[in-house]
Amino acid sequence: MNKKFLQQAQQLQKQMMTIQAELESAKVEGSSGGGAVKATVTGKMRLDSIMIDPEVISEDVELLQDLVTAAINEALDKAQEMASTRMGAVTGGLNIPGIT
């Protein structure tokens, strides 16, 4: 292989590692019920926190479960979009298996 190609591959790997580290600490929030339930996840798709307005706790349990699920799913969708955007900026939109 030529030296320039190897240097480019090493640079790409370094950039991807940097983005992976940034995603570990990045946080996004999803909410439902007009903000009654808020879920925060990391860029690595880990639930960081959940906030539930005490007023909704006394309401219908099934409604609360739906609100929690919706808030978490929204946060996860946002985290996936953020990860894809950041990785796409490095890979130029090239789909590399195993890379978010």
PDB file of N, CA and C in Angstrom:
ATOM      1  N   MET A   1       0.843  -1.186   0.000  1.00  0.00           N
ATOM      2  CA  MET A   1       0.000   0.000   0.000  1.00  0.00           C
ATOM      3  C   MET A   1       0.877   1.234   0.000  1.00  0.00           C
ATOM      4  N   ASN A   2       0.301   2.285  -0.544  1.00  0.00           N
ATOM      5  CA  ASN A   2       1.136   3.465  -0.567  1.00  0.00           C
ATOM      6  C   ASN A   2       1.046   4.215   0.759  1.00  0.00           C
ATOM      7  N   LYS A   3       2.098   4.940   1.039  1.00  0.00           N
ATOM      8  CA  LYS A   3       2.256   5.619   2.326  1.00  0.00           C
ATOM      9  C   LYS A   3       1.148   6.650   2.577  1.00  0.00           C
ATOM     10  N   LYS A   4       0.737   7.364   1.534  1.00  0.00           N
ATOM     11  CA  LYS A   4      -0.289   8.388   1.683  1.00  0.00           C
ATOM     12  C   LYS A   4      -1.622   7.762   2.108  1.00  0.00           C
ATOM     13  N   PHE A   5      -1.965   6.616   1.531  1.00  0.00           N
ATOM     14  CA  PHE A   5      -3.205   5.925   1.888  1.00  0.00           C
ATOM     15  C   PHE A   5      -3.185   5.503   3.354  1.00  0.00           C
ATOM     16  N   LEU A   6      -2.064   4.978   3.827  1.00  0.00           N
ATOM     17  CA  LEU A   6      -1.946   4.571   5.225  1.00  0.00           C
ATOM     18  C   LEU A   6      -2.065   5.772   6.162  1.00  0.00           C
ATOM     19  N   GLN A   7      -1.474   6.886   5.794  1.00  0.00           N
ATOM     20  CA  GLN A   7      -1.577   8.090   6.611  1.00  0.00           C
ATOM     21  C   GLN A   7      -3.025   8.571   6.692  1.00  0.00           C
ATOM     22  N   GLN A   8      -3.740   8.519   5.569  1.00  0.00           N
ATOM     23  CA  GLN A   8      -5.142   8.930   5.548  1.00  0.00           C
ATOM     24  C   GLN A   8      -5.987   7.994   6.419  1.00  0.00           C
ATOM     25  N   ALA A   9      -5.704   6.700   6.363  1.00  0.00           N
ATOM     26  CA  ALA A   9      -6.440   5.730   7.172  1.00  0.00           C
ATOM     27  C   ALA A   9      -6.187   5.965   8.658  1.00  0.00           C
ATOM     28  N   GLN A  10      -4.945   6.259   9.014  1.00  0.00           N
ATOM     29  CA  GLN A  10      -4.612   6.538  10.409  1.00  0.00           C
ATOM     30  C   GLN A  10      -5.293   7.820  10.878  1.00  0.00           C
ATOM     31  N   GLN A  11      -5.341   8.831  10.019  1.00  0.00           N
ATOM     32  CA  GLN A  11      -5.998  10.090  10.367  1.00  0.00           C
ATOM     33  C   GLN A  11      -7.496   9.865  10.560  1.00  0.00           C
ATOM     34  N   LEU A  12      -8.110   9.081   9.682  1.00  0.00           N
ATOM     35  CA  LEU A  12      -9.529   8.765   9.787  1.00  0.00           C
ATOM     36  C   LEU A  12      -9.816   8.026  11.095  1.00  0.00           C
ATOM     37  N   GLN A  13      -8.967   7.077  11.430  1.00  0.00           N
ATOM     38  CA  GLN A  13      -9.138   6.318  12.673  1.00  0.00           C
ATOM     39  C   GLN A  13      -9.029   7.251  13.886  1.00  0.00           C
ATOM     40  N   LYS A  14      -8.088   8.155  13.856  1.00  0.00           N
ATOM     41  CA  LYS A  14      -7.912   9.107  14.957  1.00  0.00           C
ATOM     42  C   LYS A  14      -9.144   9.992  15.106  1.00  0.00           C
ATOM     43  N   GLN A  15      -9.671  10.484  13.988  1.00  0.00           N
ATOM     44  CA  GLN A  15     -10.860  11.334  14.026  1.00  0.00           C
ATOM     45  C   GLN A  15     -12.071  10.552  14.561  1.00  0.00           C
ATOM     46  N   MET A  16     -12.217   9.313  14.157  1.00  0.00           N
ATOM     47  CA  MET A  16     -13.341   8.499  14.612  1.00  0.00           C
ATOM     48  C   MET A  16     -13.230   8.225  16.109  1.00  0.00           C
ATOM     49  N   MET A  17     -12.045   8.001  16.613  1.00  0.00           N
ATOM     50  CA  MET A  17     -11.850   7.779  18.043  1.00  0.00           C
ATOM     51  C   MET A  17     -12.202   9.043  18.833  1.00  0.00           C
ATOM     52  N   THR A  18     -11.838  10.199  18.288  1.00  0.00           N
ATOM     53  CA  THR A  18     -12.178  11.464  18.936  1.00  0.00           C
ATOM     54  C   THR A  18     -13.686  11.639  19.005  1.00  0.00           C
ATOM     55  N   ILE A  19     -14.368  11.361  17.913  1.00  0.00           N
ATOM     56  CA  ILE A  19     -15.827  11.490  17.884  1.00  0.00           C
ATOM     57  C   ILE A  19     -16.471  10.502  18.845  1.00  0.00           C
ATOM     58  N   GLN A  20     -15.962   9.278  18.902  1.00  0.00           N
ATOM     59  CA  GLN A  20     -16.504   8.286  19.836  1.00  0.00           C
ATOM     60  C   GLN A  20     -16.398   8.799  21.273  1.00  0.00           C
ATOM     61  N   ALA A  21     -15.274   9.412  21.613  1.00  0.00           N
ATOM     62  CA  ALA A  21     -15.091   9.968  22.958  1.00  0.00           C
ATOM     63  C   ALA A  21     -16.060  11.126  23.201  1.00  0.00           C
ATOM     64  N   GLU A  22     -16.256  11.962  22.190  1.00  0.00           N
ATOM     65  CA  GLU A  22     -17.206  13.074  22.323  1.00  0.00           C
ATOM     66  C   GLU A  22     -18.623  12.555  22.524  1.00  0.00           C
ATOM     67  N   LEU A  23     -18.990  11.506  21.797  1.00  0.00           N
ATOM     68  CA  LEU A  23     -20.332  10.941  21.913  1.00  0.00           C
ATOM     69  C   LEU A  23     -20.568  10.352  23.300  1.00  0.00           C
ATOM     70  N   GLU A  24     -19.519   9.847  23.912  1.00  0.00           N
ATOM     71  CA  GLU A  24     -19.638   9.277  25.263  1.00  0.00           C
ATOM     72  C   GLU A  24     -20.116  10.322  26.253  1.00  0.00           C
ATOM     73  N   SER A  25     -19.648  11.561  26.092  1.00  0.00           N
ATOM     74  CA  SER A  25     -20.022  12.604  27.046  1.00  0.00           C
ATOM     75  C   SER A  25     -21.159  13.499  26.560  1.00  0.00           C
ATOM     76  N   ALA A  26     -21.485  13.428  25.277  1.00  0.00           N
ATOM     77  CA  ALA A  26     -22.577  14.248  24.744  1.00  0.00           C
ATOM     78  C   ALA A  26     -23.916  13.736  25.268  1.00  0.00           C
ATOM     79  N   LYS A  27     -24.823  14.661  25.529  1.00  0.00           N
ATOM     80  CA  LYS A  27     -26.143  14.284  26.035  1.00  0.00           C
ATOM     81  C   LYS A  27     -27.222  14.987  25.236  1.00  0.00           C
ATOM     82  N   VAL A  28     -28.304  14.255  24.979  1.00  0.00           N
ATOM     83  CA  VAL A  28     -29.468  14.827  24.311  1.00  0.00           C
ATOM     84  C   VAL A  28     -30.702  14.473  25.123  1.00  0.00           C
ATOM     85  N   GLU A  29     -31.722  15.312  24.981  1.00  0.00           N
ATOM     86  CA  GLU A  29     -32.929  15.131  25.779  1.00  0.00           C
ATOM     87  C   GLU A  29     -34.133  14.910  24.884  1.00  0.00           C
ATOM     88  N   GLY A  30     -34.992  14.023  25.322  1.00  0.00           N
ATOM     89  CA  GLY A  30     -36.285  13.821  24.692  1.00  0.00           C
ATOM     90  C   GLY A  30     -37.344  14.083  25.738  1.00  0.00           C
ATOM     91  N   SER A  31     -38.522  14.537  25.298  1.00  0.00           N
ATOM     92  CA  SER A  31     -39.573  14.792  26.268  1.00  0.00           C
ATOM     93  C   SER A  31     -40.921  14.388  25.698  1.00  0.00           C
ATOM     94  N   SER A  32     -41.889  14.248  26.586  1.00  0.00           N
ATOM     95  CA  SER A  32     -43.254  13.934  26.176  1.00  0.00           C
ATOM     96  C   SER A  32     -44.206  14.551  27.182  1.00  0.00           C
ATOM     97  N   GLY A  33     -45.478  14.562  26.823  1.00  0.00           N
ATOM     98  CA  GLY A  33     -46.473  15.132  27.725  1.00  0.00           C
ATOM     99  C   GLY A  33     -46.246  16.603  27.986  1.00  0.00           C
ATOM    100  N   GLY A  34     -45.790  17.331  26.963  1.00  0.00           N
ATOM    101  CA  GLY A  34     -45.536  18.751  27.143  1.00  0.00           C
ATOM    102  C   GLY A  34     -44.425  19.042  28.131  1.00  0.00           C
ATOM    103  N   GLY A  35     -43.470  18.123  28.249  1.00  0.00           N
ATOM    104  CA  GLY A  35     -42.349  18.303  29.167  1.00  0.00           C
ATOM    105  C   GLY A  35     -42.563  17.655  30.522  1.00  0.00           C
ATOM    106  N   ALA A  36     -43.697  16.940  30.680  1.00  0.00           N
ATOM    107  CA  ALA A  36     -43.966  16.275  31.957  1.00  0.00           C
ATOM    108  C   ALA A  36     -42.975  15.149  32.230  1.00  0.00           C
ATOM    109  N   VAL A  37     -42.463  14.541  31.162  1.00  0.00           N
ATOM    110  CA  VAL A  37     -41.454  13.498  31.293  1.00  0.00           C
ATOM    111  C   VAL A  37     -40.294  13.867  30.379  1.00  0.00           C
ATOM    112  N   LYS A  38     -39.086  13.852  30.941  1.00  0.00           N
ATOM    113  CA  LYS A  38     -37.886  14.162  30.168  1.00  0.00           C
ATOM    114  C   LYS A  38     -36.868  13.047  30.378  1.00  0.00           C
ATOM    115  N   ALA A  39     -36.295  12.599  29.271  1.00  0.00           N
ATOM    116  CA  ALA A  39     -35.260  11.571  29.336  1.00  0.00           C
ATOM    117  C   ALA A  39     -33.995  12.133  28.693  1.00  0.00           C
ATOM    118  N   THR A  40     -32.859  11.882  29.330  1.00  0.00           N
ATOM    119  CA  THR A  40     -31.573  12.314  28.795  1.00  0.00           C
ATOM    120  C   THR A  40     -30.743  11.071  28.522  1.00  0.00           C
ATOM    121  N   VAL A  41     -30.189  10.994  27.298  1.00  0.00           N
ATOM    122  CA  VAL A  41     -29.333   9.871  26.928  1.00  0.00           C
ATOM    123  C   VAL A  41     -28.003  10.415  26.416  1.00  0.00           C
ATOM    124  N   THR A  42     -26.987   9.574  26.468  1.00  0.00           N
ATOM    125  CA  THR A  42     -25.681   9.947  25.932  1.00  0.00           C
ATOM    126  C   THR A  42     -25.652   9.641  24.442  1.00  0.00           C
ATOM    127  N   GLY A  43     -24.646  10.152  23.789  1.00  0.00           N
ATOM    128  CA  GLY A  43     -24.442   9.867  22.375  1.00  0.00           C
ATOM    129  C   GLY A  43     -24.115   8.409  22.122  1.00  0.00           C
ATOM    130  N   LYS A  44     -23.854   7.663  23.166  1.00  0.00           N
ATOM    131  CA  LYS A  44     -23.570   6.229  23.050  1.00  0.00           C
ATOM    132  C   LYS A  44     -24.810   5.394  23.380  1.00  0.00           C
ATOM    133  N   MET A  45     -25.988   6.048  23.354  1.00  0.00           N
ATOM    134  CA  MET A  45     -27.286   5.387  23.527  1.00  0.00           C
ATOM    135  C   MET A  45     -27.489   4.793  24.915  1.00  0.00           C
ATOM    136  N   ARG A  46     -26.982   5.477  25.927  1.00  0.00           N
ATOM    137  CA  ARG A  46     -27.172   5.046  27.315  1.00  0.00           C
ATOM    138  C   ARG A  46     -28.075   6.054  28.017  1.00  0.00           C
ATOM    139  N   LEU A  47     -29.080   5.548  28.731  1.00  0.00           N
ATOM    140  CA  LEU A  47     -29.969   6.418  29.485  1.00  0.00           C
ATOM    141  C   LEU A  47     -29.176   7.038  30.625  1.00  0.00           C
ATOM    142  N   ASP A  48     -29.164   8.366  30.672  1.00  0.00           N
ATOM    143  CA  ASP A  48     -28.411   9.094  31.702  1.00  0.00           C
ATOM    144  C   ASP A  48     -29.330   9.483  32.857  1.00  0.00           C
ATOM    145  N   SER A  49     -30.513  10.000  32.528  1.00  0.00           N
ATOM    146  CA  SER A  49     -31.435  10.398  33.586  1.00  0.00           C
ATOM    147  C   SER A  49     -32.856  10.457  33.044  1.00  0.00           C
ATOM    148  N   ILE A  50     -33.784  10.434  33.973  1.00  0.00           N
ATOM    149  CA  ILE A  50     -35.191  10.590  33.634  1.00  0.00           C
ATOM    150  C   ILE A  50     -35.818  11.479  34.695  1.00  0.00           C
ATOM    151  N   MET A  51     -36.647  12.434  34.246  1.00  0.00           N
ATOM    152  CA  MET A  51     -37.330  13.352  35.148  1.00  0.00           C
ATOM    153  C   MET A  51     -38.821  13.196  34.897  1.00  0.00           C
ATOM    154  N   ILE A  52     -39.577  13.008  35.970  1.00  0.00           N
ATOM    155  CA  ILE A  52     -41.030  12.873  35.864  1.00  0.00           C
ATOM    156  C   ILE A  52     -41.658  13.923  36.772  1.00  0.00           C
ATOM    157  N   ASP A  53     -42.492  14.762  36.178  1.00  0.00           N
ATOM    158  CA  ASP A  53     -43.222  15.771  36.946  1.00  0.00           C
ATOM    159  C   ASP A  53     -44.113  15.043  37.947  1.00  0.00           C
ATOM    160  N   PRO A  54     -44.010  15.372  39.231  1.00  0.00           N
ATOM    161  CA  PRO A  54     -44.808  14.684  40.253  1.00  0.00           C
ATOM    162  C   PRO A  54     -46.314  14.691  39.984  1.00  0.00           C
ATOM    163  N   GLU A  55     -46.791  15.684  39.270  1.00  0.00           N
ATOM    164  CA  GLU A  55     -48.224  15.745  38.987  1.00  0.00           C
ATOM    165  C   GLU A  55     -48.691  14.584  38.109  1.00  0.00           C
ATOM    166  N   VAL A  56     -47.817  14.093  37.235  1.00  0.00           N
ATOM    167  CA  VAL A  56     -48.221  12.987  36.346  1.00  0.00           C
ATOM    168  C   VAL A  56     -48.181  11.648  37.049  1.00  0.00           C
ATOM    169  N   ILE A  57     -47.459  11.573  38.143  1.00  0.00           N
ATOM    170  CA  ILE A  57     -47.342  10.311  38.865  1.00  0.00           C
ATOM    171  C   ILE A  57     -48.693   9.877  39.420  1.00  0.00           C
ATOM    172  N   SER A  58     -49.495  10.817  39.843  1.00  0.00           N
ATOM    173  CA  SER A  58     -50.788  10.469  40.435  1.00  0.00           C
ATOM    174  C   SER A  58     -51.846  10.159  39.371  1.00  0.00           C
ATOM    175  N   GLU A  59     -51.503  10.361  38.109  1.00  0.00           N
ATOM    176  CA  GLU A  59     -52.445  10.079  37.038  1.00  0.00           C
ATOM    177  C   GLU A  59     -52.408   8.604  36.649  1.00  0.00           C
ATOM    178  N   ASP A  60     -53.024   8.284  35.565  1.00  0.00           N
ATOM    179  CA  ASP A  60     -53.110   6.937  35.024  1.00  0.00           C
ATOM    180  C   ASP A  60     -51.712   6.328  34.823  1.00  0.00           C
ATOM    181  N   VAL A  61     -51.487   5.146  35.385  1.00  0.00           N
ATOM    182  CA  VAL A  61     -50.186   4.483  35.296  1.00  0.00           C
ATOM    183  C   VAL A  61     -49.840   4.155  33.844  1.00  0.00           C
ATOM    184  N   GLU A  62     -50.793   3.703  33.078  1.00  0.00           N
ATOM    185  CA  GLU A  62     -50.526   3.372  31.671  1.00  0.00           C
ATOM    186  C   GLU A  62     -50.112   4.611  30.883  1.00  0.00           C
ATOM    187  N   LEU A  63     -50.747   5.734  31.177  1.00  0.00           N
ATOM    188  CA  LEU A  63     -50.372   6.988  30.527  1.00  0.00           C
ATOM    189  C   LEU A  63     -48.933   7.349  30.886  1.00  0.00           C
ATOM    190  N   LEU A  64     -48.578   7.220  32.146  1.00  0.00           N
ATOM    191  CA  LEU A  64     -47.213   7.520  32.587  1.00  0.00           C
ATOM    192  C   LEU A  64     -46.206   6.610  31.885  1.00  0.00           C
ATOM    193  N   GLN A  65     -46.512   5.340  31.788  1.00  0.00           N
ATOM    194  CA  GLN A  65     -45.617   4.406  31.099  1.00  0.00           C
ATOM    195  C   GLN A  65     -45.434   4.811  29.639  1.00  0.00           C
ATOM    196  N   ASP A  66     -46.520   5.209  28.985  1.00  0.00           N
ATOM    197  CA  ASP A  66     -46.431   5.653  27.590  1.00  0.00           C
ATOM    198  C   ASP A  66     -45.584   6.915  27.464  1.00  0.00           C
ATOM    199  N   LEU A  67     -45.750   7.845  28.411  1.00  0.00           N
ATOM    200  CA  LEU A  67     -44.970   9.087  28.385  1.00  0.00           C
ATOM    201  C   LEU A  67     -43.482   8.810  28.568  1.00  0.00           C
ATOM    202  N   VAL A  68     -43.152   7.908  29.492  1.00  0.00           N
ATOM    203  CA  VAL A  68     -41.745   7.555  29.736  1.00  0.00           C
ATOM    204  C   VAL A  68     -41.154   6.909  28.486  1.00  0.00           C
ATOM    205  N   THR A  69     -41.885   5.974  27.912  1.00  0.00           N
ATOM    206  CA  THR A  69     -41.413   5.294  26.703  1.00  0.00           C
ATOM    207  C   THR A  69     -41.198   6.292  25.571  1.00  0.00           C
ATOM    208  N   ALA A  70     -42.150   7.193  25.373  1.00  0.00           N
ATOM    209  CA  ALA A  70     -42.046   8.184  24.299  1.00  0.00           C
ATOM    210  C   ALA A  70     -40.851   9.114  24.505  1.00  0.00           C
ATOM    211  N   ALA A  71     -40.630   9.552  25.735  1.00  0.00           N
ATOM    212  CA  ALA A  71     -39.510  10.452  26.018  1.00  0.00           C
ATOM    213  C   ALA A  71     -38.169   9.762  25.767  1.00  0.00           C
ATOM    214  N   ILE A  72     -38.049   8.522  26.209  1.00  0.00           N
ATOM    215  CA  ILE A  72     -36.796   7.786  25.999  1.00  0.00           C
ATOM    216  C   ILE A  72     -36.560   7.547  24.514  1.00  0.00           C
ATOM    217  N   ASN A  73     -37.598   7.135  23.793  1.00  0.00           N
ATOM    218  CA  ASN A  73     -37.445   6.890  22.357  1.00  0.00           C
ATOM    219  C   ASN A  73     -37.061   8.153  21.604  1.00  0.00           C
ATOM    220  N   GLU A  74     -37.647   9.292  21.971  1.00  0.00           N
ATOM    221  CA  GLU A  74     -37.280  10.540  21.318  1.00  0.00           C
ATOM    222  C   GLU A  74     -35.812  10.880  21.582  1.00  0.00           C
ATOM    223  N   ALA A  75     -35.374  10.712  22.816  1.00  0.00           N
ATOM    224  CA  ALA A  75     -33.970  10.991  23.152  1.00  0.00           C
ATOM    225  C   ALA A  75     -33.033  10.056  22.401  1.00  0.00           C
ATOM    226  N   LEU A  76     -33.383   8.777  22.307  1.00  0.00           N
ATOM    227  CA  LEU A  76     -32.547   7.823  21.578  1.00  0.00           C
ATOM    228  C   LEU A  76     -32.488   8.168  20.088  1.00  0.00           C
ATOM    229  N   ASP A  77     -33.611   8.570  19.509  1.00  0.00           N
ATOM    230  CA  ASP A  77     -33.621   8.983  18.103  1.00  0.00           C
ATOM    231  C   ASP A  77     -32.695  10.169  17.879  1.00  0.00           C
ATOM    232  N   LYS A  78     -32.746  11.141  18.784  1.00  0.00           N
ATOM    233  CA  LYS A  78     -31.882  12.315  18.669  1.00  0.00           C
ATOM    234  C   LYS A  78     -30.405  11.926  18.814  1.00  0.00           C
ATOM    235  N   ALA A  79     -30.115  11.019  19.727  1.00  0.00           N
ATOM    236  CA  ALA A  79     -28.733  10.583  19.929  1.00  0.00           C
ATOM    237  C   ALA A  79     -28.215   9.854  18.692  1.00  0.00           C
ATOM    238  N   GLN A  80     -29.049   9.012  18.091  1.00  0.00           N
ATOM    239  CA  GLN A  80     -28.650   8.286  16.884  1.00  0.00           C
ATOM    240  C   GLN A  80     -28.389   9.255  15.735  1.00  0.00           C
ATOM    241  N   GLU A  81     -29.254  10.247  15.604  1.00  0.00           N
ATOM    242  CA  GLU A  81     -29.076  11.248  14.556  1.00  0.00           C
ATOM    243  C   GLU A  81     -27.786  12.040  14.766  1.00  0.00           C
ATOM    244  N   MET A  82     -27.508  12.407  16.028  1.00  0.00           N
ATOM    245  CA  MET A  82     -26.295  13.139  16.337  1.00  0.00           C
ATOM    246  C   MET A  82     -25.063  12.292  16.000  1.00  0.00           C
ATOM    247  N   ALA A  83     -25.078  11.029  16.393  1.00  0.00           N
ATOM    248  CA  ALA A  83     -23.941  10.146  16.129  1.00  0.00           C
ATOM    249  C   ALA A  83     -23.729   9.963  14.625  1.00  0.00           C
ATOM    250  N   SER A  84     -24.816   9.753  13.900  1.00  0.00           N
ATOM    251  CA  SER A  84     -24.705   9.563  12.451  1.00  0.00           C
ATOM    252  C   SER A  84     -24.166  10.808  11.766  1.00  0.00           C
ATOM    253  N   THR A  85     -24.626  11.969  12.208  1.00  0.00           N
ATOM    254  CA  THR A  85     -24.166  13.229  11.620  1.00  0.00           C
ATOM    255  C   THR A  85     -22.678  13.438  11.873  1.00  0.00           C
ATOM    256  N   ARG A  86     -22.251  13.192  13.104  1.00  0.00           N
ATOM    257  CA  ARG A  86     -20.832  13.408  13.435  1.00  0.00           C
ATOM    258  C   ARG A  86     -19.932  12.413  12.715  1.00  0.00           C
ATOM    259  N   MET A  87     -20.350  11.160  12.670  1.00  0.00           N
ATOM    260  CA  MET A  87     -19.536  10.157  11.972  1.00  0.00           C
ATOM    261  C   MET A  87     -19.553  10.414  10.469  1.00  0.00           C
ATOM    262  N   GLY A  88     -20.704  10.837   9.944  1.00  0.00           N
ATOM    263  CA  GLY A  88     -20.809  11.124   8.513  1.00  0.00           C
ATOM    264  C   GLY A  88     -19.891  12.245   8.086  1.00  0.00           C
ATOM    265  N   ALA A  89     -19.664  13.192   8.988  1.00  0.00           N
ATOM    266  CA  ALA A  89     -18.766  14.298   8.676  1.00  0.00           C
ATOM    267  C   ALA A  89     -17.336  13.805   8.485  1.00  0.00           C
ATOM    268  N   VAL A  90     -16.973  12.747   9.189  1.00  0.00           N
ATOM    269  CA  VAL A  90     -15.612  12.202   9.088  1.00  0.00           C
ATOM    270  C   VAL A  90     -15.502  11.230   7.926  1.00  0.00           C
ATOM    271  N   THR A  91     -16.503  10.374   7.762  1.00  0.00           N
ATOM    272  CA  THR A  91     -16.430   9.327   6.747  1.00  0.00           C
ATOM    273  C   THR A  91     -16.934   9.791   5.389  1.00  0.00           C
ATOM    274  N   GLY A  92     -17.434  11.020   5.320  1.00  0.00           N
ATOM    275  CA  GLY A  92     -17.945  11.529   4.059  1.00  0.00           C
ATOM    276  C   GLY A  92     -19.183  10.796   3.598  1.00  0.00           C
ATOM    277  N   GLY A  93     -19.949  10.276   4.557  1.00  0.00           N
ATOM    278  CA  GLY A  93     -21.175   9.553   4.226  1.00  0.00           C
ATOM    279  C   GLY A  93     -20.941   8.109   3.852  1.00  0.00           C
ATOM    280  N   LEU A  94     -19.695   7.684   3.876  1.00  0.00           N
ATOM    281  CA  LEU A  94     -19.356   6.297   3.545  1.00  0.00           C
ATOM    282  C   LEU A  94     -19.859   5.403   4.655  1.00  0.00           C
ATOM    283  N   ASN A  95     -20.613   4.376   4.321  1.00  0.00           N
ATOM    284  CA  ASN A  95     -21.179   3.473   5.320  1.00  0.00           C
ATOM    285  C   ASN A  95     -20.138   2.406   5.662  1.00  0.00           C
ATOM    286  N   ILE A  96     -19.561   2.525   6.840  1.00  0.00           N
ATOM    287  CA  ILE A  96     -18.543   1.584   7.287  1.00  0.00           C
ATOM    288  C   ILE A  96     -19.172   0.686   8.348  1.00  0.00           C
ATOM    289  N   PRO A  97     -19.257  -0.615   8.092  1.00  0.00           N
ATOM    290  CA  PRO A  97     -19.877  -1.519   9.067  1.00  0.00           C
ATOM    291  C   PRO A  97     -19.218  -1.406  10.448  1.00  0.00           C
ATOM    292  N   GLY A  98     -20.064  -1.411  11.490  1.00  0.00           N
ATOM    293  CA  GLY A  98     -19.558  -1.346  12.850  1.00  0.00           C
ATOM    294  C   GLY A  98     -19.332   0.072  13.356  1.00  0.00           C
ATOM    295  N   ILE A  99     -19.514   1.060  12.492  1.00  0.00           N
ATOM    296  CA  ILE A  99     -19.344   2.452  12.868  1.00  0.00           C
ATOM    297  C   ILE A  99     -20.733   3.069  12.941  1.00  0.00           C
ATOM    298  N   THR A 100     -21.033   3.751  14.037  1.00  0.00           N
ATOM    299  CA  THR A 100     -22.340   4.381  14.217  1.00  0.00           C
ATOM    300  C   THR A 100     -22.594   5.393  13.149  1.00  0.00           C
TER     301      THR A 100
END
